[in-house]
Amino acid sequence: MTKPEDLPYFIEGRKLIAQTPDLRVQVLTLEQGQEVPWHYHTIVTDTFICLDGPMVVSTRAPTACHNLQAGDIIAVPPDTAHRVTGREGRCCRFVIVQGIGEHDYVAVND
């Protein structure tokens, strides 16, 4: 499982809620201008639950831009490149549930 400290980007906050070999639940905070850059996972689904938004989960194949408000949920399946930002570069905070399976992080060039 990829460890948060091994990821190739920095965000303001990362609070681990629960973790097993096949599942991880965290609360992530993005400050103004921060992002979780384009990447995908080969096995796990990322499920995002917006706590403080608005936030945007962008995907490729299919190309989409999902705008989430507090309480909104979206799941991104394996092998789907995605990126997470606050809308218009603003701050956001969300729960991310990653599983079921071993987590990996595959960076995608812009």
N, C-alpha and C. Protein backbone atom coordinates (compact mmCIF):
# COMPACT_ATOMS: atom_id res chain seq x y z
N MET A 1 0.86 -1.18 0.00
CA MET A 1 0.00 0.00 0.00
C MET A 1 0.90 1.24 0.00
N THR A 2 0.60 2.17 -0.91
CA THR A 2 1.34 3.42 -0.95
C THR A 2 1.10 4.20 0.33
N LYS A 3 2.17 4.68 0.94
CA LYS A 3 2.06 5.48 2.15
C LYS A 3 1.85 6.94 1.78
N PRO A 4 1.04 7.68 2.53
CA PRO A 4 0.81 9.09 2.21
C PRO A 4 2.10 9.90 2.12
N GLU A 5 3.07 9.60 2.95
CA GLU A 5 4.32 10.36 2.91
C GLU A 5 5.15 10.08 1.66
N ASP A 6 4.82 9.02 0.92
CA ASP A 6 5.54 8.69 -0.31
C ASP A 6 4.89 9.31 -1.56
N LEU A 7 3.78 9.99 -1.41
CA LEU A 7 3.10 10.58 -2.57
C LEU A 7 3.87 11.80 -3.06
N PRO A 8 3.87 12.05 -4.37
CA PRO A 8 4.70 13.11 -4.95
C PRO A 8 4.07 14.50 -4.95
N TYR A 9 3.25 14.81 -3.97
CA TYR A 9 2.63 16.14 -3.88
C TYR A 9 2.38 16.47 -2.42
N PHE A 10 2.19 17.76 -2.14
CA PHE A 10 1.92 18.22 -0.77
C PHE A 10 0.54 18.83 -0.71
N ILE A 11 -0.19 18.50 0.37
CA ILE A 11 -1.46 19.16 0.66
C ILE A 11 -1.45 19.60 2.11
N GLU A 12 -2.33 20.51 2.44
CA GLU A 12 -2.36 21.12 3.77
C GLU A 12 -2.63 20.12 4.89
N GLY A 13 -3.60 19.22 4.69
CA GLY A 13 -3.97 18.32 5.77
C GLY A 13 -4.32 16.93 5.30
N ARG A 14 -3.91 15.97 6.13
CA ARG A 14 -4.19 14.56 5.84
C ARG A 14 -4.37 13.88 7.20
N LYS A 15 -5.61 13.49 7.52
CA LYS A 15 -5.88 12.84 8.80
C LYS A 15 -6.36 11.42 8.53
N LEU A 16 -5.60 10.45 9.02
CA LEU A 16 -5.97 9.05 8.84
C LEU A 16 -7.08 8.69 9.82
N ILE A 17 -8.17 8.15 9.31
CA ILE A 17 -9.30 7.74 10.14
C ILE A 17 -9.22 6.24 10.41
N ALA A 18 -8.96 5.45 9.38
CA ALA A 18 -8.88 3.99 9.53
C ALA A 18 -8.06 3.43 8.38
N GLN A 19 -7.35 2.31 8.66
CA GLN A 19 -6.57 1.67 7.61
C GLN A 19 -6.43 0.18 7.89
N THR A 20 -6.63 -0.60 6.84
CA THR A 20 -6.35 -2.03 6.86
C THR A 20 -5.51 -2.30 5.60
N PRO A 21 -5.03 -3.51 5.39
CA PRO A 21 -4.28 -3.77 4.15
C PRO A 21 -5.08 -3.50 2.87
N ASP A 22 -6.42 -3.55 2.95
CA ASP A 22 -7.26 -3.39 1.75
C ASP A 22 -8.13 -2.14 1.72
N LEU A 23 -8.05 -1.28 2.75
CA LEU A 23 -8.95 -0.14 2.83
C LEU A 23 -8.29 0.99 3.62
N ARG A 24 -8.46 2.23 3.12
CA ARG A 24 -7.95 3.39 3.86
C ARG A 24 -9.00 4.48 3.80
N VAL A 25 -9.23 5.13 4.96
CA VAL A 25 -10.17 6.24 5.07
C VAL A 25 -9.41 7.42 5.65
N GLN A 26 -9.45 8.57 4.95
CA GLN A 26 -8.75 9.77 5.40
C GLN A 26 -9.63 11.00 5.21
N VAL A 27 -9.30 12.06 5.94
CA VAL A 27 -9.86 13.38 5.67
C VAL A 27 -8.72 14.21 5.11
N LEU A 28 -8.91 14.74 3.90
CA LEU A 28 -7.89 15.55 3.24
C LEU A 28 -8.35 17.00 3.16
N THR A 29 -7.40 17.92 3.35
CA THR A 29 -7.67 19.35 3.26
C THR A 29 -6.76 19.95 2.20
N LEU A 30 -7.35 20.64 1.25
CA LEU A 30 -6.60 21.36 0.23
C LEU A 30 -6.75 22.85 0.51
N GLU A 31 -5.63 23.53 0.66
CA GLU A 31 -5.65 24.98 0.79
C GLU A 31 -5.76 25.60 -0.59
N GLN A 32 -5.93 26.91 -0.64
CA GLN A 32 -6.07 27.63 -1.89
C GLN A 32 -4.92 27.29 -2.83
N GLY A 33 -5.26 26.89 -4.05
CA GLY A 33 -4.27 26.60 -5.07
C GLY A 33 -3.68 25.20 -5.03
N GLN A 34 -4.00 24.39 -4.01
CA GLN A 34 -3.47 23.03 -3.93
C GLN A 34 -4.35 22.07 -4.72
N GLU A 35 -3.77 20.92 -5.05
CA GLU A 35 -4.50 19.89 -5.78
C GLU A 35 -3.94 18.52 -5.47
N VAL A 36 -4.76 17.52 -5.72
CA VAL A 36 -4.27 16.14 -5.83
C VAL A 36 -4.13 15.96 -7.33
N PRO A 37 -2.90 15.89 -7.85
CA PRO A 37 -2.69 15.91 -9.30
C PRO A 37 -3.20 14.66 -10.00
N TRP A 38 -3.23 14.74 -11.32
CA TRP A 38 -3.71 13.64 -12.16
C TRP A 38 -2.99 12.34 -11.81
N HIS A 39 -3.79 11.32 -11.58
CA HIS A 39 -3.27 9.98 -11.26
C HIS A 39 -4.40 8.97 -11.40
N TYR A 40 -4.06 7.71 -11.26
CA TYR A 40 -5.08 6.66 -11.19
C TYR A 40 -4.58 5.54 -10.30
N HIS A 41 -5.46 4.61 -10.00
CA HIS A 41 -5.15 3.44 -9.19
C HIS A 41 -5.51 2.20 -10.01
N THR A 42 -4.71 1.16 -9.90
CA THR A 42 -4.98 -0.03 -10.72
C THR A 42 -6.02 -0.96 -10.11
N ILE A 43 -6.22 -0.89 -8.79
CA ILE A 43 -7.15 -1.81 -8.15
C ILE A 43 -8.25 -1.09 -7.38
N VAL A 44 -7.91 -0.05 -6.63
CA VAL A 44 -8.86 0.56 -5.71
C VAL A 44 -9.77 1.59 -6.37
N THR A 45 -10.93 1.75 -5.80
CA THR A 45 -11.85 2.82 -6.12
C THR A 45 -11.64 3.93 -5.11
N ASP A 46 -11.61 5.18 -5.56
CA ASP A 46 -11.58 6.34 -4.67
C ASP A 46 -13.00 6.85 -4.54
N THR A 47 -13.51 6.89 -3.32
CA THR A 47 -14.82 7.47 -3.06
C THR A 47 -14.62 8.77 -2.29
N PHE A 48 -15.11 9.87 -2.86
CA PHE A 48 -14.94 11.20 -2.28
C PHE A 48 -16.26 11.65 -1.66
N ILE A 49 -16.19 12.17 -0.44
CA ILE A 49 -17.35 12.74 0.25
C ILE A 49 -16.96 14.17 0.62
N CYS A 50 -17.58 15.15 -0.01
CA CYS A 50 -17.24 16.55 0.25
C CYS A 50 -17.74 16.96 1.63
N LEU A 51 -16.83 17.51 2.43
CA LEU A 51 -17.19 18.05 3.74
C LEU A 51 -17.35 19.56 3.68
N ASP A 52 -16.35 20.23 3.11
CA ASP A 52 -16.37 21.67 2.91
C ASP A 52 -15.95 21.94 1.48
N GLY A 53 -16.79 22.60 0.75
CA GLY A 53 -16.50 22.82 -0.65
C GLY A 53 -16.76 24.25 -1.03
N PRO A 54 -16.94 24.42 -2.29
CA PRO A 54 -17.10 23.40 -3.32
C PRO A 54 -15.76 22.83 -3.75
N MET A 55 -15.83 21.62 -4.32
CA MET A 55 -14.64 20.95 -4.82
C MET A 55 -14.95 20.34 -6.18
N VAL A 56 -13.89 20.00 -6.90
CA VAL A 56 -14.05 19.45 -8.25
C VAL A 56 -13.23 18.17 -8.35
N VAL A 57 -13.87 17.09 -8.81
CA VAL A 57 -13.19 15.86 -9.15
C VAL A 57 -13.29 15.74 -10.67
N SER A 58 -12.14 15.89 -11.33
CA SER A 58 -12.09 15.79 -12.79
C SER A 58 -11.63 14.40 -13.17
N THR A 59 -12.17 13.85 -14.25
CA THR A 59 -11.78 12.52 -14.72
C THR A 59 -11.48 12.56 -16.22
N ARG A 60 -10.70 11.57 -16.64
CA ARG A 60 -10.42 11.35 -18.06
C ARG A 60 -10.91 9.95 -18.40
N ALA A 61 -11.46 9.79 -19.56
CA ALA A 61 -11.93 8.48 -20.06
C ALA A 61 -12.85 7.78 -19.06
N PRO A 62 -14.00 8.33 -18.77
CA PRO A 62 -14.63 9.43 -19.49
C PRO A 62 -14.18 10.80 -18.96
N THR A 63 -14.16 11.77 -19.87
CA THR A 63 -13.83 13.13 -19.49
C THR A 63 -15.04 13.75 -18.83
N ALA A 64 -14.84 14.21 -17.59
CA ALA A 64 -15.95 14.82 -16.84
C ALA A 64 -15.38 15.73 -15.76
N CYS A 65 -16.21 16.66 -15.33
CA CYS A 65 -15.86 17.57 -14.25
C CYS A 65 -17.01 17.53 -13.25
N HIS A 66 -16.78 16.89 -12.12
CA HIS A 66 -17.84 16.70 -11.12
C HIS A 66 -17.68 17.76 -10.02
N ASN A 67 -18.67 18.65 -9.91
CA ASN A 67 -18.66 19.69 -8.88
C ASN A 67 -19.41 19.18 -7.67
N LEU A 68 -18.73 19.16 -6.53
CA LEU A 68 -19.33 18.65 -5.31
C LEU A 68 -19.49 19.75 -4.28
N GLN A 69 -20.62 19.74 -3.63
CA GLN A 69 -20.91 20.59 -2.48
C GLN A 69 -20.88 19.72 -1.23
N ALA A 70 -20.87 20.32 -0.06
CA ALA A 70 -20.87 19.56 1.18
C ALA A 70 -21.98 18.52 1.16
N GLY A 71 -21.61 17.26 1.45
CA GLY A 71 -22.55 16.15 1.47
C GLY A 71 -22.59 15.35 0.19
N ASP A 72 -22.07 15.88 -0.91
CA ASP A 72 -22.08 15.16 -2.18
C ASP A 72 -21.01 14.07 -2.19
N ILE A 73 -21.29 13.00 -2.92
CA ILE A 73 -20.40 11.83 -2.98
C ILE A 73 -20.19 11.44 -4.44
N ILE A 74 -18.96 11.05 -4.76
CA ILE A 74 -18.68 10.49 -6.08
C ILE A 74 -17.62 9.41 -5.93
N ALA A 75 -17.73 8.36 -6.73
CA ALA A 75 -16.74 7.28 -6.73
C ALA A 75 -16.04 7.25 -8.08
N VAL A 76 -14.71 7.13 -8.04
CA VAL A 76 -13.90 7.03 -9.25
C VAL A 76 -13.32 5.62 -9.29
N PRO A 77 -13.69 4.83 -10.30
CA PRO A 77 -13.25 3.43 -10.35
C PRO A 77 -11.78 3.28 -10.73
N PRO A 78 -11.24 2.07 -10.54
CA PRO A 78 -9.85 1.82 -10.93
C PRO A 78 -9.60 2.15 -12.41
N ASP A 79 -8.34 2.47 -12.71
CA ASP A 79 -7.90 2.76 -14.08
C ASP A 79 -8.56 3.99 -14.69
N THR A 80 -9.12 4.86 -13.86
CA THR A 80 -9.70 6.12 -14.34
C THR A 80 -8.85 7.26 -13.79
N ALA A 81 -8.16 7.96 -14.69
CA ALA A 81 -7.33 9.09 -14.26
C ALA A 81 -8.23 10.17 -13.67
N HIS A 82 -7.78 10.76 -12.55
CA HIS A 82 -8.56 11.80 -11.90
C HIS A 82 -7.66 12.79 -11.18
N ARG A 83 -8.25 13.96 -10.90
CA ARG A 83 -7.57 15.08 -10.24
C ARG A 83 -8.58 15.73 -9.33
N VAL A 84 -8.13 16.24 -8.17
CA VAL A 84 -9.03 16.86 -7.20
C VAL A 84 -8.53 18.26 -6.87
N THR A 85 -9.43 19.23 -6.91
CA THR A 85 -9.12 20.62 -6.56
C THR A 85 -10.31 21.23 -5.84
N GLY A 86 -10.06 22.36 -5.19
CA GLY A 86 -11.16 23.20 -4.77
C GLY A 86 -11.66 23.93 -6.00
N ARG A 87 -12.96 24.20 -6.08
CA ARG A 87 -13.48 24.91 -7.26
C ARG A 87 -12.84 26.30 -7.33
N GLU A 88 -12.40 26.66 -8.53
CA GLU A 88 -11.75 27.94 -8.79
C GLU A 88 -10.52 28.13 -7.90
N GLY A 89 -9.86 27.01 -7.57
CA GLY A 89 -8.62 27.07 -6.79
C GLY A 89 -8.81 27.36 -5.32
N ARG A 90 -10.04 27.31 -4.83
CA ARG A 90 -10.30 27.60 -3.42
C ARG A 90 -10.00 26.39 -2.53
N CYS A 91 -10.16 26.57 -1.24
CA CYS A 91 -9.94 25.51 -0.25
C CYS A 91 -11.10 24.51 -0.30
N CYS A 92 -10.81 23.28 0.11
CA CYS A 92 -11.86 22.28 0.28
C CYS A 92 -11.37 21.22 1.26
N ARG A 93 -12.31 20.46 1.77
CA ARG A 93 -12.00 19.37 2.71
C ARG A 93 -12.95 18.23 2.40
N PHE A 94 -12.40 16.99 2.38
CA PHE A 94 -13.22 15.86 1.99
C PHE A 94 -12.72 14.57 2.64
N VAL A 95 -13.64 13.62 2.74
CA VAL A 95 -13.30 12.26 3.15
C VAL A 95 -12.98 11.50 1.87
N ILE A 96 -11.92 10.68 1.93
CA ILE A 96 -11.62 9.79 0.82
C ILE A 96 -11.54 8.37 1.36
N VAL A 97 -12.34 7.50 0.75
CA VAL A 97 -12.34 6.07 1.08
C VAL A 97 -11.68 5.37 -0.10
N GLN A 98 -10.60 4.63 0.16
CA GLN A 98 -9.84 3.97 -0.89
C GLN A 98 -9.82 2.47 -0.65
N GLY A 99 -10.40 1.73 -1.57
CA GLY A 99 -10.42 0.29 -1.45
C GLY A 99 -11.40 -0.27 -2.45
N ILE A 100 -11.57 -1.48 -2.49
CA ILE A 100 -10.97 -2.54 -1.68
C ILE A 100 -9.82 -3.12 -2.50
N GLY A 101 -8.68 -3.27 -1.85
CA GLY A 101 -7.48 -3.79 -2.49
C GLY A 101 -6.28 -2.97 -2.10
N GLU A 102 -5.12 -3.38 -2.59
CA GLU A 102 -3.89 -2.67 -2.27
C GLU A 102 -3.82 -1.35 -3.03
N HIS A 103 -3.55 -0.27 -2.30
CA HIS A 103 -3.49 1.07 -2.87
C HIS A 103 -2.19 1.28 -3.62
N ASP A 104 -2.28 1.85 -4.81
CA ASP A 104 -1.12 2.31 -5.54
C ASP A 104 -1.44 3.69 -6.09
N TYR A 105 -0.42 4.41 -6.52
CA TYR A 105 -0.58 5.75 -7.08
C TYR A 105 0.22 5.79 -8.37
N VAL A 106 -0.48 5.95 -9.49
CA VAL A 106 0.17 6.01 -10.79
C VAL A 106 -0.02 7.42 -11.33
N ALA A 107 1.05 8.20 -11.39
CA ALA A 107 0.96 9.58 -11.87
C ALA A 107 0.67 9.60 -13.36
N VAL A 108 -0.07 10.62 -13.78
CA VAL A 108 -0.42 10.83 -15.18
C VAL A 108 0.07 12.21 -15.56
N ASN A 109 0.77 12.32 -16.68
CA ASN A 109 1.21 13.63 -17.16
C ASN A 109 0.03 14.44 -17.65
N ASP A 110 0.08 15.75 -17.40
CA ASP A 110 -1.01 16.64 -17.84
C ASP A 110 -1.23 16.62 -19.29
